[in-house]
Amino acid sequence: MQQEGTVKFLKFHQGSVRGVAFSPRDRYLFCSGAYDGKVNLYSAQRTELLMCYQVCPISTLGNTRNVNAVRFTSDGSRILASTTARRLAVIDVERGEQVMSYDNCAFNGRDRAALAADPLNPHMAVCSCVNGKGLTIFDLRMPLPLDFVYDLHTGVIRDITFVHSGWKFVGDHEKVILSLSTDGVCKVTTLDGRYLHCFEVGHNANSIAPSPESYETGAEDGFFGLLMVGGDVVSGYIPDVGIQERLNEHGNLPIWKLRYTSNGGILYTACDGGIVRKYRRYPDHHTYLGEVYCHKGDIQDLDLSPYDEFLITASKDRSVGILRLGAPNHGWTEYCELS
C-alpha cells in the first residue's frame, strides 16, 4: 500500500520561491527559482542541494532581478527560467551554466509568471509576453524568439500549458496551447494564435490542470476529460457540458496551482495560507481527502515527479517543500489504485 513520508522544507534560497519543476527524464531531479535571482537544482531521493545557478546578478542600480518561473525542457537537458528583467534564460543542466538568453520577451510581474515547455519537442517553449496579455513562442535552436501573439487576453495570463492530442478541440493541429488569464478566461490556440476553443469560469483564476486521459475515450466509461481551473474557487469544466462542479474547501484563500497525478486519480491544490490539499477524482465529481501539509507562507507553485513518487512546492517563506508520496507507479515496485 502507498505510504506517505514526512514533509521536509529545503531552505537554500534567500528570497521568496516562485517556481518549482521536476525533470521529465530524471525521476529524482528537480529545480526551483526564487526572488534571489537563483535557480537551484536538487535530488529528491537524498533531499539535498546539488547545484546553484546565479541567473540574475545584482544590477548596477542595486536592484535584484528575480526568477519568477522555471521549467525543464522535455529531454531534461535544459532549465528555462523566466525573470523580472523580461528575460528568458536557458541553463544547461550538465554544464551548470547559462547557455542562452532572450531579452525583452517575458512578463515581469511580481507573482509567478506563465511558462511552459513542449512535452514532446525539447526545442519548443512558450511564456507570457512583456505586457502579460500575449504569448512569446520560442524555438531554442534560434537566437531570437520564434513568434509573438499580442493581446491574446484582456487580463494578465497566469498559466500556460500544452494540450495533448486526446482533446477533441485539438484535431489535426500539431501544437495547441491552453492559456488562462486572471479574469477566468481560458483560450485554446495554435502556435500562430488561431482560436480553437474558449470558455469562462466566472471567477478570478491562477492555474489550470487538464486531466491526463483522452477526452473521447474516457467519456464512454463515464470518465470525462476535465479542465480544472483554480483561483477564487476550483471549477471543473467539460467541453460540451460546461462547469460540472466547484470545489471551495480552501474558503477565501485563492488557489495558485493545481496538479493531477499521472493517472488522473488524485488532484493536488496549493493556495495562499501555505496549505496543500488533495482530492480523489470519481467519474462525475471530486471528493476532498484533507490537508497534506502546510508552509509558513503562501504557496506559489507545485509539481509532481514523473512517476508520482514526490510532491514539491514553492513558498513565499523562502523554502521548497518536498514530500515522498510513496512507491513509483511503474516497474517492480509499482502500485495501482482500485476505485
C-alpha atoms as a PDB file:
ATOM      1  CA  MET A   1       0.000   0.000   0.000  1.00  0.00           C
ATOM      2  CA  GLN A   2       1.183   3.510  -0.759  1.00  0.00           C
ATOM      3  CA  GLN A   3       2.691   5.177   2.312  1.00  0.00           C
ATOM      4  CA  GLU A   4       3.430   8.890   2.562  1.00  0.00           C
ATOM      5  CA  GLY A   5       6.633  10.094   4.185  1.00  0.00           C
ATOM      6  CA  THR A   6       7.313  13.178   6.297  1.00  0.00           C
ATOM      7  CA  VAL A   7       7.455  16.597   4.660  1.00  0.00           C
ATOM      8  CA  LYS A   8      10.842  18.352   4.574  1.00  0.00           C
ATOM      9  CA  PHE A   9      11.484  22.032   3.907  1.00  0.00           C
ATOM     10  CA  LEU A  10      14.643  22.880   1.971  1.00  0.00           C
ATOM     11  CA  LYS A  11      15.859  26.407   2.738  1.00  0.00           C
ATOM     12  CA  PHE A  12      18.557  27.250   0.201  1.00  0.00           C
ATOM     13  CA  HIS A  13      17.047  30.476  -1.153  1.00  0.00           C
ATOM     14  CA  GLN A  14      17.351  33.982   0.281  1.00  0.00           C
ATOM     15  CA  GLY A  15      14.115  35.164  -1.321  1.00  0.00           C
ATOM     16  CA  SER A  16      10.546  34.100  -1.945  1.00  0.00           C
ATOM     17  CA  VAL A  17      10.441  30.905  -4.040  1.00  0.00           C
ATOM     18  CA  ARG A  18       8.279  31.445  -7.134  1.00  0.00           C
ATOM     19  CA  GLY A  19       8.612  28.222  -9.127  1.00  0.00           C
ATOM     20  CA  VAL A  20       9.490  24.521  -8.883  1.00  0.00           C
ATOM     21  CA  ALA A  21       9.676  21.821 -11.568  1.00  0.00           C
ATOM     22  CA  PHE A  22      10.676  18.162 -11.874  1.00  0.00           C
ATOM     23  CA  SER A  23      12.841  16.900 -14.692  1.00  0.00           C
ATOM     24  CA  PRO A  24      10.777  14.762 -17.113  1.00  0.00           C
ATOM     25  CA  ARG A  25      13.754  12.418 -17.629  1.00  0.00           C
ATOM     26  CA  ASP A  26      15.365  12.030 -14.202  1.00  0.00           C
ATOM     27  CA  ARG A  27      12.794  10.836 -11.662  1.00  0.00           C
ATOM     28  CA  TYR A  28      14.647  12.443  -8.727  1.00  0.00           C
ATOM     29  CA  LEU A  29      15.953  15.695 -10.222  1.00  0.00           C
ATOM     30  CA  PHE A  30      14.072  18.959  -9.665  1.00  0.00           C
ATOM     31  CA  CYS A  31      14.761  22.692  -9.623  1.00  0.00           C
ATOM     32  CA  SER A  32      13.470  25.870  -8.000  1.00  0.00           C
ATOM     33  CA  GLY A  33      13.638  29.560  -8.886  1.00  0.00           C
ATOM     34  CA  ALA A  34      13.299  32.433  -6.433  1.00  0.00           C
ATOM     35  CA  TYR A  35      13.463  36.139  -5.685  1.00  0.00           C
ATOM     36  CA  ASP A  36      17.185  35.950  -5.016  1.00  0.00           C
ATOM     37  CA  GLY A  37      17.966  35.589  -8.734  1.00  0.00           C
ATOM     38  CA  LYS A  38      18.973  31.939  -8.351  1.00  0.00           C
ATOM     39  CA  VAL A  39      17.900  28.605  -9.807  1.00  0.00           C
ATOM     40  CA  ASN A  40      18.724  25.660  -7.535  1.00  0.00           C
ATOM     41  CA  LEU A  41      18.994  22.010  -8.554  1.00  0.00           C
ATOM     42  CA  TYR A  42      18.117  19.229  -6.066  1.00  0.00           C
ATOM     43  CA  SER A  43      17.959  15.478  -5.620  1.00  0.00           C
ATOM     44  CA  ALA A  44      14.558  14.365  -4.316  1.00  0.00           C
ATOM     45  CA  GLN A  45      15.944  10.967  -3.326  1.00  0.00           C
ATOM     46  CA  ARG A  46      18.524  12.494  -0.984  1.00  0.00           C
ATOM     47  CA  THR A  47      16.629  15.766  -0.336  1.00  0.00           C
ATOM     48  CA  GLU A  48      19.783  17.793  -0.861  1.00  0.00           C
ATOM     49  CA  LEU A  49      21.015  20.706  -2.939  1.00  0.00           C
ATOM     50  CA  LEU A  50      23.157  19.683  -5.916  1.00  0.00           C
ATOM     51  CA  MET A  51      23.966  22.958  -7.631  1.00  0.00           C
ATOM     52  CA  CYS A  52      23.096  26.657  -7.632  1.00  0.00           C
ATOM     53  CA  TYR A  53      22.871  28.836 -10.761  1.00  0.00           C
ATOM     54  CA  GLN A  54      23.046  32.629 -10.383  1.00  0.00           C
ATOM     55  CA  VAL A  55      20.743  33.622 -13.230  1.00  0.00           C
ATOM     56  CA  CYS A  56      20.072  37.246 -12.290  1.00  0.00           C
ATOM     57  CA  PRO A  57      23.024  39.183 -10.801  1.00  0.00           C
ATOM     58  CA  ILE A  58      22.595  42.438  -8.878  1.00  0.00           C
ATOM     59  CA  SER A  59      22.074  45.282 -11.351  1.00  0.00           C
ATOM     60  CA  THR A  60      24.103  48.476 -11.353  1.00  0.00           C
ATOM     61  CA  LEU A  61      21.193  50.248  -9.655  1.00  0.00           C
ATOM     62  CA  GLY A  62      21.297  47.792  -6.765  1.00  0.00           C
ATOM     63  CA  ASN A  63      18.055  46.061  -7.704  1.00  0.00           C
ATOM     64  CA  THR A  64      17.967  42.279  -7.795  1.00  0.00           C
ATOM     65  CA  ARG A  65      16.432  40.847 -10.938  1.00  0.00           C
ATOM     66  CA  ASN A  66      14.483  37.810  -9.893  1.00  0.00           C
ATOM     67  CA  VAL A  67      13.298  34.439 -11.204  1.00  0.00           C
ATOM     68  CA  ASN A  68       9.506  34.064 -11.343  1.00  0.00           C
ATOM     69  CA  ALA A  69       9.089  30.743 -13.224  1.00  0.00           C
ATOM     70  CA  VAL A  70      11.140  27.618 -14.044  1.00  0.00           C
ATOM     71  CA  ARG A  71      10.595  24.615 -16.342  1.00  0.00           C
ATOM     72  CA  PHE A  72      12.692  21.754 -17.756  1.00  0.00           C
ATOM     73  CA  THR A  73      12.735  21.050 -21.470  1.00  0.00           C
ATOM     74  CA  SER A  74      11.215  17.681 -22.411  1.00  0.00           C
ATOM     75  CA  ASP A  75      14.628  15.986 -22.738  1.00  0.00           C
ATOM     76  CA  GLY A  76      15.678  17.225 -19.280  1.00  0.00           C
ATOM     77  CA  SER A  77      18.892  18.764 -20.591  1.00  0.00           C
ATOM     78  CA  ARG A  78      17.989  22.425 -20.032  1.00  0.00           C
ATOM     79  CA  ILE A  79      16.164  24.578 -17.496  1.00  0.00           C
ATOM     80  CA  LEU A  80      14.123  27.566 -18.660  1.00  0.00           C
ATOM     81  CA  ALA A  81      13.927  30.472 -16.206  1.00  0.00           C
ATOM     82  CA  SER A  82      11.658  33.484 -16.708  1.00  0.00           C
ATOM     83  CA  THR A  83      12.849  36.612 -14.877  1.00  0.00           C
ATOM     84  CA  THR A  84      11.536  40.013 -13.795  1.00  0.00           C
ATOM     85  CA  ALA A  85      14.138  41.536 -16.117  1.00  0.00           C
ATOM     86  CA  ARG A  86      11.835  40.447 -19.010  1.00  0.00           C
ATOM     87  CA  ARG A  87      14.356  37.755 -19.903  1.00  0.00           C
ATOM     88  CA  LEU A  88      14.074  34.039 -20.544  1.00  0.00           C
ATOM     89  CA  ALA A  89      17.314  32.323 -19.527  1.00  0.00           C
ATOM     90  CA  VAL A  90      18.317  28.864 -20.796  1.00  0.00           C
ATOM     91  CA  ILE A  91      20.535  26.845 -18.433  1.00  0.00           C
ATOM     92  CA  ASP A  92      22.436  23.714 -19.419  1.00  0.00           C
ATOM     93  CA  VAL A  93      21.950  21.177 -16.623  1.00  0.00           C
ATOM     94  CA  GLU A  94      25.150  19.171 -17.162  1.00  0.00           C
ATOM     95  CA  ARG A  95      27.456  22.119 -17.790  1.00  0.00           C
ATOM     96  CA  GLY A  96      25.972  24.139 -14.969  1.00  0.00           C
ATOM     97  CA  GLU A  97      25.909  27.437 -16.846  1.00  0.00           C
ATOM     98  CA  GLN A  98      23.617  29.716 -18.779  1.00  0.00           C
ATOM     99  CA  VAL A  99      23.974  28.968 -22.494  1.00  0.00           C
ATOM    100  CA  MET A 100      21.443  31.384 -23.979  1.00  0.00           C
ATOM    101  CA  SER A 101      19.023  34.171 -23.083  1.00  0.00           C
ATOM    102  CA  TYR A 102      16.181  36.014 -24.791  1.00  0.00           C
ATOM    103  CA  ASP A 103      15.691  39.658 -23.768  1.00  0.00           C
ATOM    104  CA  ASN A 104      12.545  41.818 -23.669  1.00  0.00           C
ATOM    105  CA  CYS A 105      10.191  38.903 -24.245  1.00  0.00           C
ATOM    106  CA  ALA A 106       8.880  37.718 -20.834  1.00  0.00           C
ATOM    107  CA  PHE A 107       6.389  39.137 -18.322  1.00  0.00           C
ATOM    108  CA  ASN A 108       7.987  40.948 -15.385  1.00  0.00           C
ATOM    109  CA  GLY A 109       5.198  40.759 -12.784  1.00  0.00           C
ATOM    110  CA  ARG A 110       5.931  40.054  -9.134  1.00  0.00           C
ATOM    111  CA  ASP A 111       3.810  36.897  -8.921  1.00  0.00           C
ATOM    112  CA  ARG A 112       4.622  33.574 -10.590  1.00  0.00           C
ATOM    113  CA  ALA A 113       4.812  34.026 -14.372  1.00  0.00           C
ATOM    114  CA  ALA A 114       3.328  31.752 -17.049  1.00  0.00           C
ATOM    115  CA  LEU A 115       5.884  29.447 -18.685  1.00  0.00           C
ATOM    116  CA  ALA A 116       5.538  26.077 -20.455  1.00  0.00           C
ATOM    117  CA  ALA A 117       7.821  23.667 -22.306  1.00  0.00           C
ATOM    118  CA  ASP A 118       6.573  21.402 -25.077  1.00  0.00           C
ATOM    119  CA  PRO A 119       6.335  17.847 -23.604  1.00  0.00           C
ATOM    120  CA  LEU A 120       7.260  16.295 -26.969  1.00  0.00           C
ATOM    121  CA  ASN A 121       9.684  18.739 -28.597  1.00  0.00           C
ATOM    122  CA  PRO A 122      12.707  19.753 -26.457  1.00  0.00           C
ATOM    123  CA  HIS A 123      13.251  22.886 -28.548  1.00  0.00           C
ATOM    124  CA  MET A 124       9.794  24.481 -28.179  1.00  0.00           C
ATOM    125  CA  ALA A 125       8.650  26.694 -25.292  1.00  0.00           C
ATOM    126  CA  VAL A 126       6.156  29.483 -24.635  1.00  0.00           C
ATOM    127  CA  CYS A 127       5.814  32.198 -21.985  1.00  0.00           C
ATOM    128  CA  SER A 128       3.598  35.218 -21.385  1.00  0.00           C
ATOM    129  CA  CYS A 129       4.983  38.247 -23.199  1.00  0.00           C
ATOM    130  CA  VAL A 130       6.102  41.583 -21.753  1.00  0.00           C
ATOM    131  CA  ASN A 131       2.654  43.053 -21.026  1.00  0.00           C
ATOM    132  CA  GLY A 132       1.434  39.677 -19.736  1.00  0.00           C
ATOM    133  CA  LYS A 133      -1.544  39.524 -22.126  1.00  0.00           C
ATOM    134  CA  GLY A 134       0.048  37.715 -25.074  1.00  0.00           C
ATOM    135  CA  LEU A 135       2.427  34.850 -25.795  1.00  0.00           C
ATOM    136  CA  THR A 136       6.071  34.603 -26.818  1.00  0.00           C
ATOM    137  CA  ILE A 137       6.943  31.433 -28.759  1.00  0.00           C
ATOM    138  CA  PHE A 138      10.492  30.070 -28.688  1.00  0.00           C
ATOM    139  CA  ASP A 139      12.493  27.652 -30.785  1.00  0.00           C
ATOM    140  CA  LEU A 140      15.529  27.158 -28.548  1.00  0.00           C
ATOM    141  CA  ARG A 141      17.716  26.461 -31.580  1.00  0.00           C
ATOM    142  CA  MET A 142      17.223  30.066 -32.726  1.00  0.00           C
ATOM    143  CA  PRO A 143      18.892  33.193 -31.259  1.00  0.00           C
ATOM    144  CA  LEU A 144      15.633  35.212 -31.262  1.00  0.00           C
ATOM    145  CA  PRO A 145      12.037  34.359 -30.289  1.00  0.00           C
ATOM    146  CA  LEU A 146      10.183  32.451 -32.982  1.00  0.00           C
ATOM    147  CA  ASP A 147       6.945  34.458 -32.844  1.00  0.00           C
ATOM    148  CA  PHE A 148       4.760  36.778 -30.761  1.00  0.00           C
ATOM    149  CA  VAL A 149       0.988  36.564 -30.219  1.00  0.00           C
ATOM    150  CA  TYR A 150      -0.068  40.008 -28.977  1.00  0.00           C
ATOM    151  CA  ASP A 151      -3.073  40.792 -26.740  1.00  0.00           C
ATOM    152  CA  LEU A 152      -4.493  37.297 -26.761  1.00  0.00           C
ATOM    153  CA  HIS A 153      -6.250  38.080 -23.449  1.00  0.00           C
ATOM    154  CA  THR A 154      -7.605  41.272 -21.881  1.00  0.00           C
ATOM    155  CA  GLY A 155      -6.196  40.225 -18.484  1.00  0.00           C
ATOM    156  CA  VAL A 156      -2.740  39.045 -17.452  1.00  0.00           C
ATOM    157  CA  ILE A 157      -2.021  35.425 -18.411  1.00  0.00           C
ATOM    158  CA  ARG A 158      -1.369  33.437 -15.245  1.00  0.00           C
ATOM    159  CA  ASP A 159      -0.883  29.896 -16.586  1.00  0.00           C
ATOM    160  CA  ILE A 160       0.030  28.169 -19.871  1.00  0.00           C
ATOM    161  CA  THR A 161       0.125  24.505 -20.820  1.00  0.00           C
ATOM    162  CA  PHE A 162       0.412  22.429 -23.994  1.00  0.00           C
ATOM    163  CA  VAL A 163      -2.711  20.361 -24.762  1.00  0.00           C
ATOM    164  CA  HIS A 164      -2.289  16.708 -25.753  1.00  0.00           C
ATOM    165  CA  SER A 165      -3.931  15.240 -28.856  1.00  0.00           C
ATOM    166  CA  GLY A 166      -6.625  13.373 -26.886  1.00  0.00           C
ATOM    167  CA  TRP A 167      -8.717  16.532 -26.523  1.00  0.00           C
ATOM    168  CA  LYS A 168     -11.476  16.926 -29.092  1.00  0.00           C
ATOM    169  CA  PHE A 169     -10.676  20.556 -29.973  1.00  0.00           C
ATOM    170  CA  VAL A 170      -7.076  19.737 -30.913  1.00  0.00           C
ATOM    171  CA  GLY A 171      -7.953  17.984 -34.177  1.00  0.00           C
ATOM    172  CA  ASP A 172      -5.144  17.752 -36.712  1.00  0.00           C
ATOM    173  CA  HIS A 173      -3.187  20.689 -35.311  1.00  0.00           C
ATOM    174  CA  GLU A 174       0.354  19.748 -34.379  1.00  0.00           C
ATOM    175  CA  LYS A 175       0.794  22.079 -31.381  1.00  0.00           C
ATOM    176  CA  VAL A 176      -2.009  23.524 -29.271  1.00  0.00           C
ATOM    177  CA  ILE A 177      -1.638  25.874 -26.299  1.00  0.00           C
ATOM    178  CA  LEU A 178      -4.094  26.422 -23.455  1.00  0.00           C
ATOM    179  CA  SER A 179      -3.749  29.813 -21.747  1.00  0.00           C
ATOM    180  CA  LEU A 180      -5.565  31.134 -18.671  1.00  0.00           C
ATOM    181  CA  SER A 181      -5.878  34.795 -17.668  1.00  0.00           C
ATOM    182  CA  THR A 182      -6.550  36.238 -14.225  1.00  0.00           C
ATOM    183  CA  ASP A 183     -10.138  37.145 -15.186  1.00  0.00           C
ATOM    184  CA  GLY A 184     -11.006  33.448 -15.633  1.00  0.00           C
ATOM    185  CA  VAL A 185     -10.930  33.329 -19.442  1.00  0.00           C
ATOM    186  CA  CYS A 186      -9.370  30.181 -20.957  1.00  0.00           C
ATOM    187  CA  LYS A 187      -8.357  30.077 -24.612  1.00  0.00           C
ATOM    188  CA  VAL A 188      -7.112  27.204 -26.752  1.00  0.00           C
ATOM    189  CA  THR A 189      -4.968  28.444 -29.634  1.00  0.00           C
ATOM    190  CA  THR A 190      -2.468  27.210 -32.177  1.00  0.00           C
ATOM    191  CA  LEU A 191       1.126  28.436 -32.098  1.00  0.00           C
ATOM    192  CA  ASP A 192       0.258  31.207 -34.536  1.00  0.00           C
ATOM    193  CA  GLY A 193      -2.632  32.466 -32.408  1.00  0.00           C
ATOM    194  CA  ARG A 194      -5.664  30.945 -34.181  1.00  0.00           C
ATOM    195  CA  TYR A 195      -8.615  30.297 -31.837  1.00  0.00           C
ATOM    196  CA  LEU A 196      -9.833  26.718 -31.422  1.00  0.00           C
ATOM    197  CA  HIS A 197     -11.859  26.942 -28.205  1.00  0.00           C
ATOM    198  CA  CYS A 198     -12.681  29.451 -25.473  1.00  0.00           C
ATOM    199  CA  PHE A 199     -14.593  29.376 -22.187  1.00  0.00           C
ATOM    200  CA  GLU A 200     -15.000  31.396 -18.973  1.00  0.00           C
ATOM    201  CA  VAL A 201     -15.264  30.126 -15.399  1.00  0.00           C
ATOM    202  CA  GLY A 202     -16.755  33.302 -13.879  1.00  0.00           C
ATOM    203  CA  HIS A 203     -14.131  33.962 -11.211  1.00  0.00           C
ATOM    204  CA  ASN A 204     -10.527  35.100 -10.829  1.00  0.00           C
ATOM    205  CA  ALA A 205      -8.123  32.322 -11.820  1.00  0.00           C
ATOM    206  CA  ASN A 206      -4.428  31.438 -11.435  1.00  0.00           C
ATOM    207  CA  SER A 207      -3.923  27.835 -12.574  1.00  0.00           C
ATOM    208  CA  ILE A 208      -5.351  25.269 -14.983  1.00  0.00           C
ATOM    209  CA  ALA A 209      -4.814  21.486 -14.948  1.00  0.00           C
ATOM    210  CA  PRO A 210      -6.080  19.258 -17.790  1.00  0.00           C
ATOM    211  CA  SER A 211      -6.830  15.670 -16.790  1.00  0.00           C
ATOM    212  CA  PRO A 212      -4.335  13.268 -18.416  1.00  0.00           C
ATOM    213  CA  GLU A 213      -6.670  10.855 -20.198  1.00  0.00           C
ATOM    214  CA  SER A 214      -8.118  11.201 -23.690  1.00  0.00           C
ATOM    215  CA  TYR A 215     -11.433  13.068 -23.679  1.00  0.00           C
ATOM    216  CA  GLU A 216     -13.290  10.889 -26.197  1.00  0.00           C
ATOM    217  CA  THR A 217     -12.058   7.555 -24.823  1.00  0.00           C
ATOM    218  CA  GLY A 218     -12.875   8.393 -21.227  1.00  0.00           C
ATOM    219  CA  ALA A 219     -16.432   9.521 -21.944  1.00  0.00           C
ATOM    220  CA  GLU A 220     -17.586   6.012 -22.882  1.00  0.00           C
ATOM    221  CA  ASP A 221     -16.801   4.724 -19.378  1.00  0.00           C
ATOM    222  CA  GLY A 222     -18.332   7.697 -17.594  1.00  0.00           C
ATOM    223  CA  PHE A 223     -14.987   9.492 -17.136  1.00  0.00           C
ATOM    224  CA  PHE A 224     -14.885  12.838 -18.868  1.00  0.00           C
ATOM    225  CA  GLY A 225     -11.773  14.766 -19.679  1.00  0.00           C
ATOM    226  CA  LEU A 226     -11.731  17.739 -17.301  1.00  0.00           C
ATOM    227  CA  LEU A 227     -10.078  21.126 -17.274  1.00  0.00           C
ATOM    228  CA  MET A 228      -9.721  22.103 -13.614  1.00  0.00           C
ATOM    229  CA  VAL A 229      -9.326  25.864 -13.105  1.00  0.00           C
ATOM    230  CA  GLY A 230      -8.164  27.189  -9.736  1.00  0.00           C
ATOM    231  CA  GLY A 231      -8.495  30.703  -8.331  1.00  0.00           C
ATOM    232  CA  ASP A 232     -11.197  32.108  -6.070  1.00  0.00           C
ATOM    233  CA  VAL A 233     -12.744  28.618  -6.315  1.00  0.00           C
ATOM    234  CA  VAL A 234     -11.791  25.446  -8.209  1.00  0.00           C
ATOM    235  CA  SER A 235     -14.024  24.866 -11.236  1.00  0.00           C
ATOM    236  CA  GLY A 236     -14.241  21.655 -13.271  1.00  0.00           C
ATOM    237  CA  TYR A 237     -15.006  22.362 -16.943  1.00  0.00           C
ATOM    238  CA  ILE A 238     -16.052  19.731 -19.517  1.00  0.00           C
ATOM    239  CA  PRO A 239     -16.260  20.654 -23.218  1.00  0.00           C
ATOM    240  CA  ASP A 240     -19.894  20.488 -24.497  1.00  0.00           C
ATOM    241  CA  VAL A 241     -21.109  20.304 -20.885  1.00  0.00           C
ATOM    242  CA  GLY A 242     -19.764  23.416 -19.163  1.00  0.00           C
ATOM    243  CA  ILE A 243     -18.866  23.841 -15.490  1.00  0.00           C
ATOM    244  CA  GLN A 244     -19.601  20.496 -13.838  1.00  0.00           C
ATOM    245  CA  GLU A 245     -18.615  21.239 -10.235  1.00  0.00           C
ATOM    246  CA  ARG A 246     -16.925  23.750  -7.961  1.00  0.00           C
ATOM    247  CA  LEU A 247     -14.611  22.969  -5.046  1.00  0.00           C
ATOM    248  CA  ASN A 248     -14.312  25.514  -2.235  1.00  0.00           C
ATOM    249  CA  GLU A 249     -12.679  23.736   0.712  1.00  0.00           C
ATOM    250  CA  HIS A 250      -9.980  26.428   0.794  1.00  0.00           C
ATOM    251  CA  GLY A 251     -12.512  29.118   1.772  1.00  0.00           C
ATOM    252  CA  ASN A 252     -11.482  32.666   0.852  1.00  0.00           C
ATOM    253  CA  LEU A 253      -7.855  31.778   0.120  1.00  0.00           C
ATOM    254  CA  PRO A 254      -7.098  31.815  -3.637  1.00  0.00           C
ATOM    255  CA  ILE A 255      -5.710  28.684  -5.294  1.00  0.00           C
ATOM    256  CA  TRP A 256      -2.361  29.193  -7.045  1.00  0.00           C
ATOM    257  CA  LYS A 257      -1.607  25.777  -8.509  1.00  0.00           C
ATOM    258  CA  LEU A 258      -3.423  22.554  -9.467  1.00  0.00           C
ATOM    259  CA  ARG A 259      -1.826  19.262 -10.462  1.00  0.00           C
ATOM    260  CA  TYR A 260      -3.224  15.820 -11.316  1.00  0.00           C
ATOM    261  CA  THR A 261      -1.286  12.607 -10.736  1.00  0.00           C
ATOM    262  CA  SER A 262      -0.275  10.778 -13.918  1.00  0.00           C
ATOM    263  CA  ASN A 263      -3.407   8.574 -13.896  1.00  0.00           C
ATOM    264  CA  GLY A 264      -5.755  11.463 -13.047  1.00  0.00           C
ATOM    265  CA  GLY A 265      -6.953   9.771  -9.846  1.00  0.00           C
ATOM    266  CA  ILE A 266      -5.721  12.382  -7.354  1.00  0.00           C
ATOM    267  CA  LEU A 267      -5.824  16.184  -7.630  1.00  0.00           C
ATOM    268  CA  TYR A 268      -3.463  18.326  -5.518  1.00  0.00           C
ATOM    269  CA  THR A 269      -4.114  22.012  -4.869  1.00  0.00           C
ATOM    270  CA  ALA A 270      -1.880  24.720  -3.371  1.00  0.00           C
ATOM    271  CA  CYS A 271      -3.171  28.041  -2.096  1.00  0.00           C
ATOM    272  CA  ASP A 272      -2.493  31.206  -0.143  1.00  0.00           C
ATOM    273  CA  GLY A 273      -2.042  30.338   3.503  1.00  0.00           C
ATOM    274  CA  GLY A 274       0.562  27.739   2.516  1.00  0.00           C
ATOM    275  CA  ILE A 275      -1.759  24.712   2.536  1.00  0.00           C
ATOM    276  CA  VAL A 276      -1.591  21.736   0.151  1.00  0.00           C
ATOM    277  CA  ARG A 277      -4.825  19.755  -0.181  1.00  0.00           C
ATOM    278  CA  LYS A 278      -5.808  16.668  -2.132  1.00  0.00           C
ATOM    279  CA  TYR A 279      -8.961  15.278  -3.756  1.00  0.00           C
ATOM    280  CA  ARG A 280      -9.872  11.884  -5.155  1.00  0.00           C
ATOM    281  CA  ARG A 281     -11.436  12.026  -8.587  1.00  0.00           C
ATOM    282  CA  TYR A 282     -14.529   9.964  -9.420  1.00  0.00           C
ATOM    283  CA  PRO A 283     -16.440   9.743 -12.738  1.00  0.00           C
ATOM    284  CA  ASP A 284     -18.609  12.792 -12.026  1.00  0.00           C
ATOM    285  CA  HIS A 285     -17.102  14.544  -9.001  1.00  0.00           C
ATOM    286  CA  HIS A 286     -14.100  15.055  -6.703  1.00  0.00           C
ATOM    287  CA  THR A 287     -14.055  14.085  -3.032  1.00  0.00           C
ATOM    288  CA  TYR A 288     -11.990  16.106  -0.574  1.00  0.00           C
ATOM    289  CA  LEU A 289      -9.419  13.948   1.261  1.00  0.00           C
ATOM    290  CA  GLY A 290      -7.888  16.565   3.558  1.00  0.00           C
ATOM    291  CA  GLU A 291      -4.746  18.653   4.031  1.00  0.00           C
ATOM    292  CA  VAL A 292      -1.389  17.202   3.019  1.00  0.00           C
ATOM    293  CA  TYR A 293       0.978  19.684   4.685  1.00  0.00           C
ATOM    294  CA  CYS A 294       1.399  23.393   5.299  1.00  0.00           C
ATOM    295  CA  HIS A 295       4.081  26.062   4.695  1.00  0.00           C
ATOM    296  CA  LYS A 296       4.522  29.149   6.851  1.00  0.00           C
ATOM    297  CA  GLY A 297       3.925  31.342   3.788  1.00  0.00           C
ATOM    298  CA  ASP A 298       1.743  31.355   0.675  1.00  0.00           C
ATOM    299  CA  ILE A 299       2.458  28.672  -1.939  1.00  0.00           C
ATOM    300  CA  GLN A 300       3.136  29.900  -5.490  1.00  0.00           C
ATOM    301  CA  ASP A 301       3.873  26.675  -7.372  1.00  0.00           C
ATOM    302  CA  LEU A 302       3.560  22.876  -7.110  1.00  0.00           C
ATOM    303  CA  ASP A 303       4.769  19.885  -9.124  1.00  0.00           C
ATOM    304  CA  LEU A 304       4.797  16.071  -9.056  1.00  0.00           C
ATOM    305  CA  SER A 305       7.658  13.768 -10.030  1.00  0.00           C
ATOM    306  CA  PRO A 306       7.260  11.794 -13.305  1.00  0.00           C
ATOM    307  CA  TYR A 307       6.114   8.603 -11.522  1.00  0.00           C
ATOM    308  CA  ASP A 308       4.133  10.291  -8.713  1.00  0.00           C
ATOM    309  CA  GLU A 309       6.731   9.476  -6.054  1.00  0.00           C
ATOM    310  CA  PHE A 310       7.292  13.042  -4.806  1.00  0.00           C
ATOM    311  CA  LEU A 311       5.381  16.275  -4.374  1.00  0.00           C
ATOM    312  CA  ILE A 312       7.239  19.615  -4.277  1.00  0.00           C
ATOM    313  CA  THR A 313       6.041  23.153  -3.524  1.00  0.00           C
ATOM    314  CA  ALA A 314       7.430  26.694  -3.779  1.00  0.00           C
ATOM    315  CA  SER A 315       6.549  29.098  -0.976  1.00  0.00           C
ATOM    316  CA  LYS A 316       6.933  32.756  -0.085  1.00  0.00           C
ATOM    317  CA  ASP A 317       8.521  31.608   3.195  1.00  0.00           C
ATOM    318  CA  ARG A 318      11.718  31.057   1.117  1.00  0.00           C
ATOM    319  CA  SER A 319      11.519  27.273   1.341  1.00  0.00           C
ATOM    320  CA  VAL A 320      10.868  24.372  -1.013  1.00  0.00           C
ATOM    321  CA  GLY A 321       8.613  21.693   0.451  1.00  0.00           C
ATOM    322  CA  ILE A 322       9.148  18.052  -0.532  1.00  0.00           C
ATOM    323  CA  LEU A 323       7.018  15.051   0.412  1.00  0.00           C
ATOM    324  CA  ARG A 324       7.519  11.432  -0.588  1.00  0.00           C
ATOM    325  CA  LEU A 325       4.089  10.187  -1.661  1.00  0.00           C
ATOM    326  CA  GLY A 326       5.012   6.504  -1.910  1.00  0.00           C
ATOM    327  CA  ALA A 327       6.205   3.886  -4.374  1.00  0.00           C
ATOM    328  CA  PRO A 328       6.518   4.750  -8.085  1.00  0.00           C
ATOM    329  CA  ASN A 329       3.607   3.945 -10.382  1.00  0.00           C
ATOM    330  CA  HIS A 330       5.695   1.697 -12.669  1.00  0.00           C
ATOM    331  CA  GLY A 331       8.210  -1.146 -12.540  1.00  0.00           C
ATOM    332  CA  TRP A 332       8.609  -3.911  -9.984  1.00  0.00           C
ATOM    333  CA  THR A 333       7.784  -1.534  -7.117  1.00  0.00           C
ATOM    334  CA  GLU A 334       4.740  -0.001  -8.793  1.00  0.00           C
ATOM    335  CA  TYR A 335       1.382   0.469  -7.122  1.00  0.00           C
ATOM    336  CA  CYS A 336      -2.139   0.703  -8.529  1.00  0.00           C
ATOM    337  CA  GLU A 337      -5.404   2.188  -7.295  1.00  0.00           C
ATOM    338  CA  LEU A 338      -8.801   0.484  -7.239  1.00  0.00           C
ATOM    339  CA  SER A 339     -11.818   2.719  -7.096  1.00  0.00           C
END
